[in-house]
Amino acid sequence: MRAGLDGVVFIRLILFSLKVVGFAAVLGLCALLPLNYIGSQIVIDFSDFTNTFQESFSNIFECQ
């Protein structure tokens, strides 16, 4: 039984896609999952975010 060129390209595309998804899954489990766990332990208070943001840029304009 012989396969056509379109069948070969389709199979190669599927195999390439599986390799890319596998690499992304390994990267996600090894790098992003621990970062997400560490980041969830950091508590940031966003209740005064606008004033803090404005104060951080006010020093730039005072120096001129």
C-alpha atoms as a PDB file:
ATOM      1  CA  MET A   1       0.000   0.000   0.000  1.00  0.00           C
ATOM      2  CA  ARG A   2       1.384   3.391  -0.976  1.00  0.00           C
ATOM      3  CA  ALA A   3       0.596   6.752   0.551  1.00  0.00           C
ATOM      4  CA  GLY A   4       0.349   9.993  -1.334  1.00  0.00           C
ATOM      5  CA  LEU A   5       2.363  13.086  -0.657  1.00  0.00           C
ATOM      6  CA  ASP A   6      -0.519  14.765   1.138  1.00  0.00           C
ATOM      7  CA  GLY A   7      -0.769  11.834   3.565  1.00  0.00           C
ATOM      8  CA  VAL A   8       2.961  11.976   4.310  1.00  0.00           C
ATOM      9  CA  VAL A   9       2.810  15.727   4.915  1.00  0.00           C
ATOM     10  CA  PHE A  10      -0.202  15.280   7.183  1.00  0.00           C
ATOM     11  CA  ILE A  11       1.541  12.629   9.294  1.00  0.00           C
ATOM     12  CA  ARG A  12       4.694  14.745   9.536  1.00  0.00           C
ATOM     13  CA  LEU A  13       2.602  17.744  10.579  1.00  0.00           C
ATOM     14  CA  ILE A  14       0.905  15.713  13.314  1.00  0.00           C
ATOM     15  CA  LEU A  15       4.255  14.414  14.600  1.00  0.00           C
ATOM     16  CA  PHE A  16       5.760  17.924  14.587  1.00  0.00           C
ATOM     17  CA  SER A  17       2.733  19.266  16.464  1.00  0.00           C
ATOM     18  CA  LEU A  18       3.061  16.537  19.093  1.00  0.00           C
ATOM     19  CA  LYS A  19       6.735  17.397  19.585  1.00  0.00           C
ATOM     20  CA  VAL A  20       5.961  21.099  20.014  1.00  0.00           C
ATOM     21  CA  VAL A  21       3.104  20.453  22.440  1.00  0.00           C
ATOM     22  CA  GLY A  22       5.247  17.964  24.361  1.00  0.00           C
ATOM     23  CA  PHE A  23       8.062  20.487  24.684  1.00  0.00           C
ATOM     24  CA  ALA A  24       5.634  23.180  25.840  1.00  0.00           C
ATOM     25  CA  ALA A  25       4.128  20.792  28.399  1.00  0.00           C
ATOM     26  CA  VAL A  26       7.541  19.904  29.830  1.00  0.00           C
ATOM     27  CA  LEU A  27       8.502  23.575  29.944  1.00  0.00           C
ATOM     28  CA  GLY A  28       5.235  24.426  31.660  1.00  0.00           C
ATOM     29  CA  LEU A  29       5.580  21.725  34.269  1.00  0.00           C
ATOM     30  CA  CYS A  30       9.255  22.321  35.019  1.00  0.00           C
ATOM     31  CA  ALA A  31       9.424  26.121  34.869  1.00  0.00           C
ATOM     32  CA  LEU A  32       6.018  27.760  35.052  1.00  0.00           C
ATOM     33  CA  LEU A  33       4.386  25.549  37.657  1.00  0.00           C
ATOM     34  CA  PRO A  34       6.997  26.231  40.376  1.00  0.00           C
ATOM     35  CA  LEU A  35       6.941  29.959  39.543  1.00  0.00           C
ATOM     36  CA  ASN A  36       3.181  29.982  39.857  1.00  0.00           C
ATOM     37  CA  TYR A  37       3.416  28.264  43.248  1.00  0.00           C
ATOM     38  CA  ILE A  38       6.006  30.748  44.519  1.00  0.00           C
ATOM     39  CA  GLY A  39       4.078  33.697  43.122  1.00  0.00           C
ATOM     40  CA  SER A  40       0.862  32.672  44.862  1.00  0.00           C
ATOM     41  CA  GLN A  41       2.592  33.083  48.228  1.00  0.00           C
ATOM     42  CA  ILE A  42       3.363  36.762  47.570  1.00  0.00           C
ATOM     43  CA  VAL A  43       0.654  39.044  48.922  1.00  0.00           C
ATOM     44  CA  ILE A  44       0.294  42.411  47.183  1.00  0.00           C
ATOM     45  CA  ASP A  45      -2.138  45.032  48.417  1.00  0.00           C
ATOM     46  CA  PHE A  46      -3.773  46.685  45.403  1.00  0.00           C
ATOM     47  CA  SER A  47      -6.140  48.896  47.418  1.00  0.00           C
ATOM     48  CA  ASP A  48      -3.779  51.915  47.174  1.00  0.00           C
ATOM     49  CA  PHE A  49      -2.303  51.036  43.784  1.00  0.00           C
ATOM     50  CA  THR A  50      -3.109  54.299  41.959  1.00  0.00           C
ATOM     51  CA  ASN A  51      -1.511  56.532  44.590  1.00  0.00           C
ATOM     52  CA  THR A  52       1.573  54.343  44.819  1.00  0.00           C
ATOM     53  CA  PHE A  53       1.893  54.315  41.038  1.00  0.00           C
ATOM     54  CA  GLN A  54       1.642  58.102  40.827  1.00  0.00           C
ATOM     55  CA  GLU A  55       4.160  58.606  43.626  1.00  0.00           C
ATOM     56  CA  SER A  56       6.716  56.444  41.863  1.00  0.00           C
ATOM     57  CA  PHE A  57       6.657  58.777  38.838  1.00  0.00           C
ATOM     58  CA  SER A  58       6.438  62.042  40.774  1.00  0.00           C
ATOM     59  CA  ASN A  59      10.167  61.851  41.618  1.00  0.00           C
ATOM     60  CA  ILE A  60      11.029  61.895  37.915  1.00  0.00           C
ATOM     61  CA  PHE A  61       9.266  65.187  37.287  1.00  0.00           C
ATOM     62  CA  GLU A  62      10.646  66.889  40.415  1.00  0.00           C
ATOM     63  CA  CYS A  63      14.256  66.387  39.310  1.00  0.00           C
ATOM     64  CA  GLN A  64      13.865  68.482  36.145  1.00  0.00           C
END
